[in-house]
């Protein structure tokens, strides 16, 4: 850096060392690392380039959706792999605003526990940051995973069994009673059972289209958006936690 130049960016890296219950320094090992970059602005630049383009925290209302509600609205696959957050935004400015859901970030800290040789577990926290998946991606996941649902597997098995049974009666000349039974099962029994065991997938897909937050949301001046849902992947949070705690065998206790 030249003498007299302005410092605009600073990167700070930290490492946490553990002795694993021993007093000698040779047993120390790195159990967590973190790197953060700080960007410096002048006061006018911060107000114009950063602060004026952000939605004020007081204009954001976000609530985590209970898992039972997520299952009812979007299915068990979404509840298993995503944290769902209900979001509402307010615009108190004198002009309209465009909000990109891809720029939303959820930040927090994961509490981690590491076993030690002394038997006293080492506990600390690591930072986590995750971005939501788009509505199109959630819709695609629902559609692609539909073939693995129990209902889809059962009815594919019924169709296969019916096709094999029909081919058997035509090829080997089964008696009339067997033919009638197979026709009754494939023509009436399976369709009636499909109506009894309803398919929830179309409803989940409809809810994604109606309630998931779009990529770009326009908020009119003085207006408020309706409640929309954001989907934060659980696997991404677990990956961030694991990458920052290697090489120790860590166990997440919670996310704040």
Protein backbone atom coordinates (compact mmCIF):
# COMPACT_ATOMS: atom_id res chain seq x y z
CA UNK A 1 0.00 0.00 0.00
CA UNK A 2 1.41 3.38 -1.02
CA UNK A 3 1.94 5.98 1.65
CA UNK A 4 -1.04 8.30 1.94
CA UNK A 5 -3.45 5.96 0.09
CA UNK A 6 -6.86 5.16 1.59
CA UNK A 7 -7.59 1.75 3.10
CA UNK A 8 -10.77 0.48 1.39
CA UNK A 9 -10.74 -3.23 2.25
CA UNK A 10 -9.36 -5.36 5.08
CA UNK A 11 -9.37 -9.17 5.28
CA UNK A 12 -9.02 -10.79 8.70
CA UNK A 13 -8.40 -14.50 9.28
CA UNK A 14 -8.64 -16.17 12.68
CA UNK A 15 -7.88 -19.68 13.92
CA UNK A 16 -8.93 -21.31 17.19
CA UNK A 17 -6.48 -23.75 18.75
CA UNK A 18 -7.29 -26.54 21.20
CA UNK A 19 -4.92 -28.44 23.49
CA UNK A 20 -7.31 -31.38 23.86
CA UNK A 21 -6.91 -31.38 27.62
CA UNK A 22 -3.10 -31.35 27.65
CA UNK A 23 -0.80 -28.58 28.81
CA UNK A 24 2.00 -29.05 26.26
CA UNK A 25 1.83 -26.97 23.11
CA UNK A 26 2.63 -29.94 20.85
CA UNK A 27 -0.93 -31.28 21.24
CA UNK A 28 -2.57 -28.15 19.90
CA UNK A 29 -4.60 -28.42 16.73
CA UNK A 30 -6.79 -26.08 14.70
CA UNK A 31 -10.45 -26.79 15.41
CA UNK A 32 -12.05 -23.80 13.71
CA UNK A 33 -11.07 -21.11 11.24
CA UNK A 34 -12.90 -18.10 9.90
CA UNK A 35 -12.10 -15.38 7.39
CA UNK A 36 -13.94 -12.07 7.10
CA UNK A 37 -13.55 -9.15 4.73
CA UNK A 38 -14.34 -5.61 5.86
CA UNK A 39 -15.02 -2.90 3.27
CA UNK A 40 -14.52 0.73 4.25
CA UNK A 41 -16.66 3.57 2.85
CA UNK A 42 -16.56 7.28 3.26
CA UNK A 43 -19.66 8.66 4.98
CA UNK A 44 -21.27 10.03 1.76
CA UNK A 45 -20.47 6.85 -0.17
CA UNK A 46 -21.87 4.65 2.58
CA UNK A 47 -25.12 6.61 2.66
CA UNK A 48 -25.55 6.67 -1.13
CA UNK A 49 -24.02 3.38 -2.33
CA UNK A 50 -24.89 1.07 0.55
CA UNK A 51 -27.42 2.26 3.08
CA UNK A 52 -29.86 3.90 0.65
CA UNK A 53 -30.15 0.72 -1.44
CA UNK A 54 -30.95 -1.61 1.44
CA UNK A 55 -34.31 -2.39 2.97
CA UNK A 56 -34.32 -1.19 6.55
CA UNK A 57 -34.52 -3.95 9.19
CA UNK A 58 -37.61 -2.23 10.61
CA UNK A 59 -39.33 -2.83 7.24
CA UNK A 60 -38.70 -6.57 7.25
CA UNK A 61 -40.87 -9.10 9.05
CA UNK A 62 -39.67 -12.70 8.89
CA UNK A 63 -41.00 -15.71 10.80
CA UNK A 64 -39.77 -19.33 10.61
CA UNK A 65 -42.62 -21.60 9.56
CA UNK A 66 -43.32 -24.57 11.87
CA UNK A 67 -42.43 -27.95 10.41
CA UNK A 68 -46.05 -29.14 10.63
CA UNK A 69 -47.20 -26.22 8.48
CA UNK A 70 -44.40 -26.83 5.97
CA UNK A 71 -45.48 -30.46 5.60
CA UNK A 72 -49.09 -29.42 5.00
CA UNK A 73 -48.20 -26.75 2.44
CA UNK A 74 -45.21 -28.20 0.59
CA UNK A 75 -44.76 -31.85 1.61
CA UNK A 76 -42.31 -33.87 3.67
CA UNK A 77 -39.47 -33.63 1.16
CA UNK A 78 -39.35 -29.85 1.48
CA UNK A 79 -39.67 -30.00 5.28
CA UNK A 80 -36.80 -32.51 5.41
CA UNK A 81 -34.34 -30.47 3.33
CA UNK A 82 -35.33 -26.82 3.85
CA UNK A 83 -35.94 -24.22 6.52
CA UNK A 84 -38.99 -22.26 5.35
CA UNK A 85 -39.28 -18.60 6.35
CA UNK A 86 -42.38 -16.45 5.90
CA UNK A 87 -41.35 -12.96 4.76
CA UNK A 88 -43.12 -9.62 4.40
CA UNK A 89 -41.51 -6.36 3.25
CA UNK A 90 -42.61 -2.75 3.66
CA UNK A 91 -41.49 0.22 1.59
CA UNK A 92 -41.45 3.54 3.44
CA UNK A 93 -39.50 5.37 0.72
CA UNK A 94 -40.86 7.96 -1.70
CA UNK A 95 -40.22 5.71 -4.72
CA UNK A 96 -40.86 2.11 -5.72
CA UNK A 97 -38.34 -0.57 -4.83
CA UNK A 98 -37.22 -3.80 -6.49
CA UNK A 99 -36.12 -6.57 -4.12
CA UNK A 100 -34.21 -9.62 -5.35
CA UNK A 101 -34.80 -12.79 -3.35
CA UNK A 102 -31.41 -14.09 -4.47
CA UNK A 103 -29.70 -11.30 -2.51
CA UNK A 104 -31.39 -12.28 0.76
CA UNK A 105 -29.01 -13.86 3.28
CA UNK A 106 -29.71 -15.65 6.54
CA UNK A 107 -26.83 -15.36 8.99
CA UNK A 108 -26.29 -16.90 12.39
CA UNK A 109 -24.02 -19.14 14.41
CA UNK A 110 -24.05 -22.92 14.84
CA UNK A 111 -23.19 -24.34 18.26
CA UNK A 112 -20.67 -27.15 17.82
CA UNK A 113 -19.35 -29.78 20.21
CA UNK A 114 -16.01 -31.56 19.84
CA UNK A 115 -14.95 -34.61 21.92
CA UNK A 116 -11.56 -34.42 23.61
CA UNK A 117 -9.21 -36.98 25.13
CA UNK A 118 -9.79 -35.58 28.60
CA UNK A 119 -13.49 -36.39 28.37
CA UNK A 120 -14.55 -32.76 28.71
CA UNK A 121 -16.20 -31.73 25.43
CA UNK A 122 -15.04 -28.57 23.72
CA UNK A 123 -17.92 -26.29 22.75
CA UNK A 124 -17.77 -23.25 20.50
CA UNK A 125 -19.72 -21.60 17.70
CA UNK A 126 -19.03 -21.12 13.99
CA UNK A 127 -20.66 -18.57 11.69
CA UNK A 128 -23.09 -19.76 9.03
CA UNK A 129 -24.55 -17.89 6.09
CA UNK A 130 -27.02 -19.25 3.55
CA UNK A 131 -28.98 -17.94 0.56
CA UNK A 132 -32.48 -19.17 -0.36
CA UNK A 133 -33.24 -21.40 -3.32
CA UNK A 134 -35.50 -20.03 -6.04
CA UNK A 135 -39.14 -21.02 -6.49
CA UNK A 136 -38.28 -22.70 -9.83
CA UNK A 137 -35.68 -24.87 -8.13
CA UNK A 138 -38.10 -25.93 -5.38
CA UNK A 139 -40.75 -26.75 -8.01
CA UNK A 140 -38.24 -28.86 -9.96
CA UNK A 141 -37.21 -30.75 -6.84
CA UNK A 142 -40.84 -31.59 -6.07
CA UNK A 143 -41.44 -32.79 -9.63
CA UNK A 144 -38.24 -34.83 -9.90
CA UNK A 145 -38.65 -36.52 -6.52
CA UNK A 146 -42.31 -37.40 -7.11
CA UNK A 147 -41.35 -40.76 -8.63
CA UNK A 148 -39.85 -41.83 -5.30
CA UNK A 149 -42.98 -41.11 -3.26
CA UNK A 150 -44.63 -44.20 -1.69
CA UNK A 151 -47.86 -43.65 -3.63
CA UNK A 152 -46.06 -43.51 -6.98
CA UNK A 153 -44.04 -46.65 -6.19
CA UNK A 154 -47.13 -48.61 -5.10
CA UNK A 155 -49.16 -47.79 -8.19
CA UNK A 156 -46.25 -48.51 -10.52
CA UNK A 157 -46.01 -51.91 -8.85
CA UNK A 158 -49.76 -52.46 -9.37
CA UNK A 159 -49.44 -51.52 -13.05
CA UNK A 160 -46.52 -53.90 -13.51
CA UNK A 161 -48.36 -56.73 -11.78
CA UNK A 162 -51.48 -56.10 -13.89
CA UNK A 163 -49.49 -56.07 -17.12
CA UNK A 164 -47.72 -59.33 -16.24
CA UNK A 165 -50.98 -61.00 -15.18
CA UNK A 166 -52.77 -59.93 -18.39
CA UNK A 167 -49.90 -61.23 -20.51
CA UNK A 168 -50.02 -64.54 -18.63
CA UNK A 169 -53.75 -65.05 -19.25
CA UNK A 170 -53.36 -64.31 -22.97
CA UNK A 171 -50.28 -66.50 -23.43
CA UNK A 172 -51.18 -69.57 -21.38
CA UNK A 173 -54.97 -69.60 -21.70
CA UNK A 174 -56.10 -69.12 -18.12
CA UNK A 175 -59.62 -70.05 -17.11
CA UNK A 176 -62.50 -67.59 -17.27
CA UNK A 177 -62.58 -66.94 -13.53
CA UNK A 178 -58.90 -65.86 -13.52
CA UNK A 179 -59.41 -63.58 -16.53
CA UNK A 180 -62.44 -61.93 -14.93
CA UNK A 181 -60.58 -61.43 -11.65
CA UNK A 182 -57.61 -59.79 -13.39
CA UNK A 183 -59.84 -57.52 -15.45
CA UNK A 184 -61.78 -56.54 -12.35
CA UNK A 185 -58.61 -55.73 -10.42
CA UNK A 186 -56.91 -53.73 -13.22
CA UNK A 187 -60.02 -52.04 -14.58
CA UNK A 188 -61.88 -51.16 -11.37
CA UNK A 189 -59.79 -51.96 -8.29
CA UNK A 190 -56.62 -49.99 -9.10
CA UNK A 191 -58.41 -46.84 -10.41
CA UNK A 192 -60.73 -46.81 -7.38
CA UNK A 193 -57.79 -47.21 -5.01
CA UNK A 194 -55.98 -44.32 -6.73
CA UNK A 195 -58.97 -42.09 -5.93
CA UNK A 196 -59.00 -43.29 -2.33
CA UNK A 197 -55.26 -42.62 -1.93
CA UNK A 198 -55.16 -39.10 -3.31
CA UNK A 199 -52.06 -37.53 -4.85
CA UNK A 200 -50.93 -34.45 -2.88
CA UNK A 201 -48.20 -33.44 -5.36
CA UNK A 202 -50.37 -31.10 -7.50
CA UNK A 203 -51.40 -29.23 -4.36
CA UNK A 204 -47.79 -28.83 -3.21
CA UNK A 205 -46.80 -27.54 -6.65
CA UNK A 206 -49.71 -25.09 -6.65
CA UNK A 207 -48.64 -23.77 -3.26
CA UNK A 208 -45.08 -23.25 -4.54
CA UNK A 209 -46.41 -21.20 -7.46
CA UNK A 210 -48.78 -19.17 -5.28
CA UNK A 211 -46.74 -18.62 -2.10
CA UNK A 212 -43.00 -18.84 -2.93
CA UNK A 213 -41.22 -15.51 -3.26
CA UNK A 214 -40.40 -14.52 -6.84
CA UNK A 215 -36.88 -13.69 -7.97
CA UNK A 216 -37.81 -10.01 -8.25
CA UNK A 217 -40.50 -8.38 -6.14
CA UNK A 218 -41.68 -4.82 -6.75
CA UNK A 219 -42.78 -2.93 -3.65
CA UNK A 220 -44.71 0.26 -4.40
CA UNK A 221 -43.93 3.36 -2.40
CA UNK A 222 -45.74 3.23 0.90
CA UNK A 223 -46.81 -0.35 0.16
CA UNK A 224 -46.40 -3.75 1.78
CA UNK A 225 -45.89 -7.13 0.14
CA UNK A 226 -48.09 -10.08 0.95
CA UNK A 227 -46.58 -12.92 2.94
CA UNK A 228 -44.20 -14.97 0.79
CA UNK A 229 -42.02 -17.97 1.62
CA UNK A 230 -38.25 -18.39 1.28
CA UNK A 231 -36.55 -21.79 1.28
CA UNK A 232 -33.12 -22.04 2.94
CA UNK A 233 -31.34 -25.39 2.37
CA UNK A 234 -30.44 -27.30 5.50
CA UNK A 235 -27.65 -29.14 3.67
CA UNK A 236 -25.86 -25.86 2.95
CA UNK A 237 -25.82 -24.94 6.65
CA UNK A 238 -24.50 -28.39 7.54
CA UNK A 239 -21.80 -28.09 4.86
CA UNK A 240 -20.64 -24.71 6.16
CA UNK A 241 -20.49 -26.06 9.70
CA UNK A 242 -18.50 -29.15 8.68
CA UNK A 243 -16.00 -27.26 6.51
CA UNK A 244 -15.12 -24.88 9.35
CA UNK A 245 -14.71 -27.57 12.00
CA UNK A 246 -12.47 -30.06 10.21
CA UNK A 247 -10.51 -32.13 11.15
CA UNK A 248 -12.44 -32.71 14.38
CA UNK A 249 -15.57 -34.82 14.54
CA UNK A 250 -18.16 -32.18 15.37
CA UNK A 251 -21.81 -32.47 16.29
CA UNK A 252 -24.13 -29.53 15.72
CA UNK A 253 -26.27 -28.66 18.70
CA UNK A 254 -28.32 -25.86 17.17
CA UNK A 255 -28.46 -22.85 14.91
CA UNK A 256 -29.15 -19.36 16.12
